[in-house]
Amino acid sequence: LCEFRLNLWGAEFAAFLQCKQ
């Protein structure tokens, strides 16, 4: 499940970047 989200810590954003790779 890949979604673009950016929380205060950027953890979900980092997960999104890893998923795109």
PDB file of N, CA and C in Angstrom:
ATOM      1  N   LEU A   1       0.854  -1.194   0.000  1.00  0.00           N
ATOM      2  CA  LEU A   1       0.000   0.000   0.000  1.00  0.00           C
ATOM      3  C   LEU A   1       0.887   1.241   0.000  1.00  0.00           C
ATOM      4  N   CYS A   2       0.847   1.949  -1.096  1.00  0.00           N
ATOM      5  CA  CYS A   2       1.728   3.105  -1.218  1.00  0.00           C
ATOM      6  C   CYS A   2       0.901   4.385  -1.255  1.00  0.00           C
ATOM      7  N   GLU A   3       1.109   5.217  -0.284  1.00  0.00           N
ATOM      8  CA  GLU A   3       0.403   6.486  -0.264  1.00  0.00           C
ATOM      9  C   GLU A   3       1.373   7.602   0.060  1.00  0.00           C
ATOM     10  N   PHE A   4       1.078   8.787  -0.446  1.00  0.00           N
ATOM     11  CA  PHE A   4       1.939   9.920  -0.153  1.00  0.00           C
ATOM     12  C   PHE A   4       1.394  10.641   1.076  1.00  0.00           C
ATOM     13  N   ARG A   5       2.137  10.571   2.156  1.00  0.00           N
ATOM     14  CA  ARG A   5       1.725  11.253   3.374  1.00  0.00           C
ATOM     15  C   ARG A   5       2.950  11.851   4.041  1.00  0.00           C
ATOM     16  N   LEU A   6       2.772  13.000   4.656  1.00  0.00           N
ATOM     17  CA  LEU A   6       3.894  13.637   5.332  1.00  0.00           C
ATOM     18  C   LEU A   6       3.454  14.059   6.728  1.00  0.00           C
ATOM     19  N   ASN A   7       3.914  13.321   7.716  1.00  0.00           N
ATOM     20  CA  ASN A   7       3.565  13.679   9.092  1.00  0.00           C
ATOM     21  C   ASN A   7       4.658  14.565   9.668  1.00  0.00           C
ATOM     22  N   LEU A   8       4.534  14.938  10.913  1.00  0.00           N
ATOM     23  CA  LEU A   8       5.488  15.864  11.526  1.00  0.00           C
ATOM     24  C   LEU A   8       6.908  15.323  11.519  1.00  0.00           C
ATOM     25  N   TRP A   9       7.047  14.011  11.508  1.00  0.00           N
ATOM     26  CA  TRP A   9       8.385  13.420  11.559  1.00  0.00           C
ATOM     27  C   TRP A   9       8.856  12.974  10.183  1.00  0.00           C
ATOM     28  N   GLY A  10       7.950  12.998   9.198  1.00  0.00           N
ATOM     29  CA  GLY A  10       8.335  12.602   7.851  1.00  0.00           C
ATOM     30  C   GLY A  10       8.525  11.098   7.706  1.00  0.00           C
ATOM     31  N   ALA A  11       8.094  10.332   8.692  1.00  0.00           N
ATOM     32  CA  ALA A  11       8.288   8.887   8.655  1.00  0.00           C
ATOM     33  C   ALA A  11       7.487   8.267   7.509  1.00  0.00           C
ATOM     34  N   GLU A  12       6.242   8.703   7.334  1.00  0.00           N
ATOM     35  CA  GLU A  12       5.416   8.136   6.280  1.00  0.00           C
ATOM     36  C   GLU A  12       5.941   8.567   4.915  1.00  0.00           C
ATOM     37  N   PHE A  13       6.498   9.779   4.830  1.00  0.00           N
ATOM     38  CA  PHE A  13       7.081  10.255   3.579  1.00  0.00           C
ATOM     39  C   PHE A  13       8.271   9.386   3.198  1.00  0.00           C
ATOM     40  N   ALA A  14       9.076   9.026   4.177  1.00  0.00           N
ATOM     41  CA  ALA A  14      10.238   8.180   3.930  1.00  0.00           C
ATOM     42  C   ALA A  14       9.783   6.804   3.448  1.00  0.00           C
ATOM     43  N   ALA A  15       8.715   6.295   4.021  1.00  0.00           N
ATOM     44  CA  ALA A  15       8.179   4.994   3.616  1.00  0.00           C
ATOM     45  C   ALA A  15       7.691   5.068   2.175  1.00  0.00           C
ATOM     46  N   PHE A  16       7.112   6.197   1.807  1.00  0.00           N
ATOM     47  CA  PHE A  16       6.641   6.389   0.435  1.00  0.00           C
ATOM     48  C   PHE A  16       7.809   6.361  -0.539  1.00  0.00           C
ATOM     49  N   LEU A  17       8.889   7.018  -0.177  1.00  0.00           N
ATOM     50  CA  LEU A  17      10.063   7.057  -1.048  1.00  0.00           C
ATOM     51  C   LEU A  17      10.641   5.660  -1.231  1.00  0.00           C
ATOM     52  N   GLN A  18      10.680   4.873  -0.171  1.00  0.00           N
ATOM     53  CA  GLN A  18      11.213   3.521  -0.243  1.00  0.00           C
ATOM     54  C   GLN A  18      10.311   2.649  -1.110  1.00  0.00           C
ATOM     55  N   CYS A  19       9.026   2.894  -1.061  1.00  0.00           N
ATOM     56  CA  CYS A  19       8.083   2.101  -1.834  1.00  0.00           C
ATOM     57  C   CYS A  19       8.250   2.395  -3.324  1.00  0.00           C
ATOM     58  N   LYS A  20       8.579   3.630  -3.669  1.00  0.00           N
ATOM     59  CA  LYS A  20       8.734   4.016  -5.057  1.00  0.00           C
ATOM     60  C   LYS A  20      10.007   3.442  -5.658  1.00  0.00           C
ATOM     61  N   GLN A  21      10.975   3.103  -4.828  1.00  0.00           N
ATOM     62  CA  GLN A  21      12.242   2.588  -5.332  1.00  0.00           C
ATOM     63  C   GLN A  21      12.130   1.126  -5.755  1.00  0.00           C
TER      64      GLN A  21
END
